[in-house]
Amino acid sequence: MLSDTSEPSKLSELSNTEATKYNDAFGQWMLEGDKTALLAHLASDDDPNRLNVYRNTFVAGSIDTLERHYPSVLHALTQNLFRQVARAYVHEHPPTTRSMADYGRGFPEFLDQQSHTLNALSFVSDLSRLDSAWSKAYFAAETTALEPSDINEVAASIENVRLRLSDNVTQVTTKQRVVELWSQLRDGPVTLPPTIEDNPQNTLLFRAPTGAMRYSILSESEIGFVTSIEAGLTLIDAAQYAADIGPLNIADVLASFLANGILQRRE
């Protein structure tokens, strides 16, 4: 029921059953845009068009959340096109919880299906995967990562020690070479290149011990090393597997990973 702010809320006058029906009807209107069930709860002098104020605010807030979660996509598409695509996403996948912290996790997959709308800008689905990985790493809980001072101990037990990526590290694979472009678009609009190379990239995004967000594009052998330790192989077996793929200086890789808090012991 709608009422002027000068009038007491009519919701308080409803029985529990009626209130539940009202809340369900209002939720259906907000999530799906279907106000059929809600109309039965309006007073005779209520204007149904007033409902649009609530839904428009709901949709606009959801779009604003997507803008905050996917800044590189926003800057690549410009605001008008982004909001067009985001509105379609909100219509198909409206928020279902009070918290908006995780809203839009399915946005990359949704963008994969929008090639007819995005055309030459279809690479933004890769940008969105990087944005999502950035958020996951940035908001990850504090972790007990190995430090540079641990390298001698790790090296001494190379045949037995098993490591894994720290909780504040996210690995993401993109279908096109967009990582450098993504890094620039995080800060604002840039001139887009005429073409994007169709060549996958595998990247680690991580929150460094200083708190700064960084990324590292992995070589084929480094991908093999990371895949191996994530699969539970000992450090020496992971290093051997990676070396079979291509050149790999395991000492340099370990030094870099430990300096950036990328590894921790496997429990």
Protein backbone atom coordinates (compact mmCIF):
# COMPACT_ATOMS: atom_id res chain seq x y z
CA MET A 1 0.00 0.00 0.00
CA LEU A 2 1.15 3.50 -0.77
CA SER A 3 0.44 6.45 1.46
CA ASP A 4 1.54 10.03 1.86
CA THR A 5 4.24 10.62 4.46
CA SER A 6 1.72 12.61 6.49
CA GLU A 7 -0.44 9.50 6.93
CA PRO A 8 0.37 6.52 9.19
CA SER A 9 1.65 3.47 7.33
CA LYS A 10 -1.18 1.17 6.33
CA LEU A 11 1.18 -1.81 6.51
CA SER A 12 0.98 -1.70 10.30
CA GLU A 13 -2.78 -2.21 10.05
CA LEU A 14 -2.48 -5.50 8.16
CA SER A 15 -2.61 -8.96 9.64
CA ASN A 16 0.49 -11.13 9.38
CA THR A 17 -0.98 -13.05 6.46
CA GLU A 18 -1.97 -9.87 4.63
CA ALA A 19 1.43 -8.30 5.33
CA THR A 20 3.19 -11.35 3.90
CA LYS A 21 1.07 -11.19 0.75
CA TYR A 22 1.79 -7.48 0.46
CA ASN A 23 5.54 -7.99 0.88
CA ASP A 24 5.55 -10.82 -1.67
CA ALA A 25 3.63 -8.70 -4.15
CA PHE A 26 5.91 -5.72 -3.59
CA GLY A 27 8.97 -7.94 -4.03
CA GLN A 28 7.57 -9.32 -7.28
CA TRP A 29 7.10 -5.77 -8.51
CA MET A 30 10.62 -4.72 -7.55
CA LEU A 31 12.37 -7.82 -8.92
CA GLU A 32 10.28 -8.55 -12.00
CA GLY A 33 8.42 -5.35 -12.77
CA ASP A 34 5.08 -7.18 -12.51
CA LYS A 35 2.70 -5.12 -10.39
CA THR A 36 -0.43 -7.20 -11.02
CA ALA A 37 -0.52 -8.72 -7.54
CA LEU A 38 0.43 -5.41 -5.90
CA LEU A 39 -2.47 -3.50 -7.44
CA ALA A 40 -4.89 -5.43 -5.23
CA HIS A 41 -3.26 -3.83 -2.16
CA LEU A 42 -3.58 -0.23 -3.34
CA ALA A 43 -6.21 2.07 -1.93
CA SER A 44 -8.82 3.26 -4.39
CA ASP A 45 -7.30 6.74 -4.54
CA ASP A 46 -3.69 5.54 -5.01
CA ASP A 47 -2.08 6.22 -8.38
CA PRO A 48 -0.40 2.99 -9.64
CA ASN A 49 2.18 5.11 -11.49
CA ARG A 50 3.63 6.10 -8.12
CA LEU A 51 5.02 2.57 -7.95
CA ASN A 52 7.49 3.48 -10.69
CA VAL A 53 9.38 5.71 -8.27
CA TYR A 54 10.29 2.71 -6.10
CA ARG A 55 11.30 0.44 -8.95
CA ASN A 56 13.28 3.13 -10.79
CA THR A 57 15.25 3.80 -7.61
CA PHE A 58 15.85 0.07 -7.15
CA VAL A 59 17.08 -0.39 -10.74
CA ALA A 60 19.23 2.75 -10.66
CA GLY A 61 20.89 1.64 -7.42
CA SER A 62 21.65 -1.78 -8.91
CA ILE A 63 23.20 -0.19 -12.00
CA ASP A 64 25.31 2.11 -9.83
CA THR A 65 26.60 -0.97 -8.00
CA LEU A 66 27.64 -2.60 -11.28
CA GLU A 67 29.46 0.60 -12.26
CA ARG A 68 31.46 0.47 -9.04
CA HIS A 69 32.25 -3.23 -9.41
CA TYR A 70 33.24 -3.05 -13.09
CA PRO A 71 35.02 0.27 -13.68
CA SER A 72 37.11 -0.90 -16.64
CA VAL A 73 33.97 -2.06 -18.47
CA LEU A 74 32.29 1.26 -17.72
CA HIS A 75 35.24 3.22 -19.11
CA ALA A 76 35.51 1.00 -22.21
CA LEU A 77 31.82 1.18 -23.10
CA THR A 78 31.13 4.75 -21.91
CA GLN A 79 28.31 5.34 -19.46
CA ASN A 80 25.36 5.29 -21.89
CA LEU A 81 26.14 1.87 -23.39
CA PHE A 82 27.20 0.45 -20.03
CA ARG A 83 23.92 1.46 -18.44
CA GLN A 84 21.98 -0.05 -21.33
CA VAL A 85 23.72 -3.38 -20.85
CA ALA A 86 23.60 -3.14 -17.06
CA ARG A 87 19.86 -2.44 -17.10
CA ALA A 88 19.32 -5.62 -19.11
CA TYR A 89 21.40 -7.53 -16.56
CA VAL A 90 19.44 -6.13 -13.62
CA HIS A 91 16.19 -7.08 -15.36
CA GLU A 92 17.36 -10.69 -15.80
CA HIS A 93 19.36 -10.98 -12.57
CA PRO A 94 18.00 -8.60 -9.94
CA PRO A 95 19.59 -8.47 -6.49
CA THR A 96 18.18 -11.08 -4.12
CA THR A 97 19.83 -10.00 -0.85
CA ARG A 98 20.12 -6.78 1.12
CA SER A 99 23.90 -6.69 0.74
CA MET A 100 25.17 -5.53 -2.65
CA ALA A 101 28.80 -6.44 -1.92
CA ASP A 102 28.70 -9.50 -4.19
CA TYR A 103 26.09 -8.30 -6.66
CA GLY A 104 27.05 -8.78 -10.29
CA ARG A 105 29.20 -11.89 -9.93
CA GLY A 106 27.49 -13.27 -13.03
CA PHE A 107 28.08 -10.12 -15.09
CA PRO A 108 31.06 -11.55 -17.06
CA GLU A 109 29.01 -14.53 -18.25
CA PHE A 110 26.14 -12.19 -19.12
CA LEU A 111 28.50 -10.04 -21.21
CA ASP A 112 29.62 -13.18 -23.07
CA GLN A 113 26.05 -13.41 -24.38
CA GLN A 114 25.84 -9.77 -25.51
CA SER A 115 27.93 -9.96 -28.70
CA HIS A 116 24.96 -8.70 -30.73
CA THR A 117 24.91 -5.53 -28.62
CA LEU A 118 28.63 -5.06 -28.06
CA ASN A 119 29.94 -6.06 -31.50
CA ALA A 120 33.63 -5.06 -31.67
CA LEU A 121 33.57 -4.31 -27.93
CA SER A 122 32.92 -7.92 -26.97
CA PHE A 123 36.37 -8.02 -25.31
CA VAL A 124 34.79 -6.25 -22.32
CA SER A 125 33.73 -9.65 -20.97
CA ASP A 126 37.45 -10.29 -20.40
CA LEU A 127 37.76 -6.88 -18.73
CA SER A 128 34.90 -7.80 -16.42
CA ARG A 129 36.63 -11.03 -15.39
CA LEU A 130 39.69 -9.03 -14.40
CA ASP A 131 37.57 -6.52 -12.48
CA SER A 132 35.86 -9.38 -10.65
CA ALA A 133 39.19 -11.03 -9.83
CA TRP A 134 40.53 -7.67 -8.59
CA SER A 135 37.62 -7.34 -6.17
CA LYS A 136 37.98 -10.90 -4.92
CA ALA A 137 41.69 -10.43 -4.18
CA TYR A 138 41.25 -6.96 -2.70
CA PHE A 139 38.52 -7.97 -0.26
CA ALA A 140 40.03 -11.34 0.69
CA ALA A 141 40.65 -11.96 4.36
CA GLU A 142 44.13 -11.44 5.75
CA THR A 143 46.32 -14.47 5.20
CA THR A 144 49.58 -15.91 6.54
CA ALA A 145 51.69 -15.74 3.41
CA LEU A 146 55.30 -16.85 3.17
CA GLU A 147 57.84 -14.02 3.31
CA PRO A 148 61.20 -13.52 1.58
CA SER A 149 62.95 -14.60 4.79
CA ASP A 150 61.33 -18.04 4.40
CA ILE A 151 63.07 -18.84 1.11
CA ASN A 152 65.98 -20.78 2.63
CA GLU A 153 63.64 -22.94 4.69
CA VAL A 154 61.43 -23.57 1.65
CA ALA A 155 64.43 -24.43 -0.54
CA ALA A 156 65.76 -26.84 2.08
CA SER A 157 62.50 -28.80 2.08
CA ILE A 158 61.83 -28.55 -1.66
CA GLU A 159 61.26 -32.29 -1.99
CA ASN A 160 58.46 -32.37 0.59
CA VAL A 161 56.94 -28.93 0.99
CA ARG A 162 53.57 -28.27 -0.62
CA LEU A 163 52.44 -24.71 -1.25
CA ARG A 164 49.40 -22.98 -2.66
CA LEU A 165 48.33 -19.53 -3.77
CA SER A 166 47.51 -17.21 -0.89
CA ASP A 167 43.88 -16.32 -0.25
CA ASN A 168 44.51 -12.76 -1.44
CA VAL A 169 45.57 -13.99 -4.89
CA THR A 170 43.19 -14.64 -7.77
CA GLN A 171 44.12 -16.39 -11.00
CA VAL A 172 42.17 -15.43 -14.11
CA THR A 173 42.38 -16.45 -17.76
CA THR A 174 41.24 -14.06 -20.48
CA LYS A 175 40.47 -15.05 -24.04
CA GLN A 176 42.19 -11.97 -25.48
CA ARG A 177 45.27 -9.89 -24.65
CA VAL A 178 43.59 -7.20 -22.60
CA VAL A 179 45.45 -7.09 -19.29
CA GLU A 180 47.52 -3.97 -20.01
CA LEU A 181 44.48 -2.20 -21.44
CA TRP A 182 42.43 -3.25 -18.41
CA SER A 183 45.05 -1.77 -16.09
CA GLN A 184 44.72 1.59 -17.85
CA LEU A 185 40.92 1.49 -17.93
CA ARG A 186 40.73 0.95 -14.17
CA ASP A 187 41.77 4.60 -13.80
CA GLY A 188 39.55 6.13 -16.47
CA PRO A 189 38.68 6.23 -20.19
CA VAL A 190 41.50 5.73 -22.69
CA THR A 191 41.66 5.53 -26.47
CA LEU A 192 40.85 1.95 -27.36
CA PRO A 193 43.14 0.10 -29.79
CA PRO A 194 41.66 -0.65 -33.24
CA THR A 195 41.98 -4.39 -32.65
CA ILE A 196 42.43 -6.73 -29.70
CA GLU A 197 44.69 -9.73 -30.19
CA ASP A 198 42.93 -13.08 -29.87
CA ASN A 199 45.52 -14.68 -27.64
CA PRO A 200 44.73 -15.93 -24.13
CA GLN A 201 46.48 -14.47 -21.11
CA ASN A 202 46.79 -16.02 -17.68
CA THR A 203 47.21 -13.49 -14.90
CA LEU A 204 47.60 -13.40 -11.13
CA LEU A 205 45.94 -10.47 -9.38
CA PHE A 206 46.98 -10.00 -5.79
CA ARG A 207 47.04 -7.71 -2.81
CA ALA A 208 50.70 -7.21 -1.99
CA PRO A 209 51.97 -7.04 1.62
CA THR A 210 51.98 -3.23 1.28
CA GLY A 211 48.24 -3.32 0.57
CA ALA A 212 48.73 -2.25 -3.04
CA MET A 213 46.91 -4.18 -5.77
CA ARG A 214 49.20 -5.66 -8.41
CA TYR A 215 49.10 -8.14 -11.27
CA SER A 216 51.53 -10.51 -12.95
CA ILE A 217 51.05 -11.96 -16.43
CA LEU A 218 52.29 -15.56 -16.37
CA SER A 219 54.45 -17.32 -18.95
CA GLU A 220 53.50 -20.82 -20.08
CA SER A 221 55.98 -22.40 -17.68
CA GLU A 222 54.79 -20.20 -14.80
CA ILE A 223 51.22 -21.27 -15.55
CA GLY A 224 52.42 -24.87 -15.29
CA PHE A 225 54.09 -24.14 -11.95
CA VAL A 226 51.02 -22.44 -10.47
CA THR A 227 48.70 -25.15 -11.77
CA SER A 228 50.93 -27.82 -10.23
CA ILE A 229 51.15 -26.33 -6.75
CA GLU A 230 47.40 -25.72 -6.79
CA ALA A 231 46.97 -29.41 -7.64
CA GLY A 232 48.95 -30.31 -4.52
CA LEU A 233 52.29 -31.35 -6.04
CA THR A 234 55.45 -30.92 -3.98
CA LEU A 235 57.55 -27.91 -4.84
CA ILE A 236 60.23 -29.95 -6.62
CA ASP A 237 57.64 -31.83 -8.70
CA ALA A 238 55.87 -28.56 -9.60
CA ALA A 239 59.18 -27.02 -10.63
CA GLN A 240 60.04 -30.03 -12.78
CA TYR A 241 56.62 -30.04 -14.44
CA ALA A 242 56.97 -26.34 -15.25
CA ALA A 243 60.51 -26.77 -16.57
CA ASP A 244 59.26 -29.44 -18.99
CA ILE A 245 56.94 -26.82 -20.49
CA GLY A 246 59.56 -24.12 -20.98
CA PRO A 247 62.44 -22.19 -19.41
CA LEU A 248 61.86 -21.45 -15.72
CA ASN A 249 64.21 -20.07 -13.11
CA ILE A 250 62.51 -21.46 -10.03
CA ALA A 251 64.71 -19.40 -7.68
CA ASP A 252 63.62 -16.14 -9.35
CA VAL A 253 59.98 -17.20 -9.41
CA LEU A 254 60.01 -18.13 -5.73
CA ALA A 255 61.79 -14.90 -4.78
CA SER A 256 59.21 -12.84 -6.68
CA PHE A 257 56.23 -14.78 -5.33
CA LEU A 258 57.45 -14.59 -1.74
CA ALA A 259 58.22 -10.87 -2.01
CA ASN A 260 54.63 -10.27 -3.09
CA GLY A 261 52.93 -12.57 -0.58
CA ILE A 262 51.64 -14.87 -3.31
CA LEU A 263 52.33 -18.24 -1.65
CA GLN A 264 51.44 -19.89 1.61
CA ARG A 265 51.90 -23.37 3.03
CA ARG A 266 49.31 -25.98 2.23
CA GLU A 267 47.65 -27.20 5.41
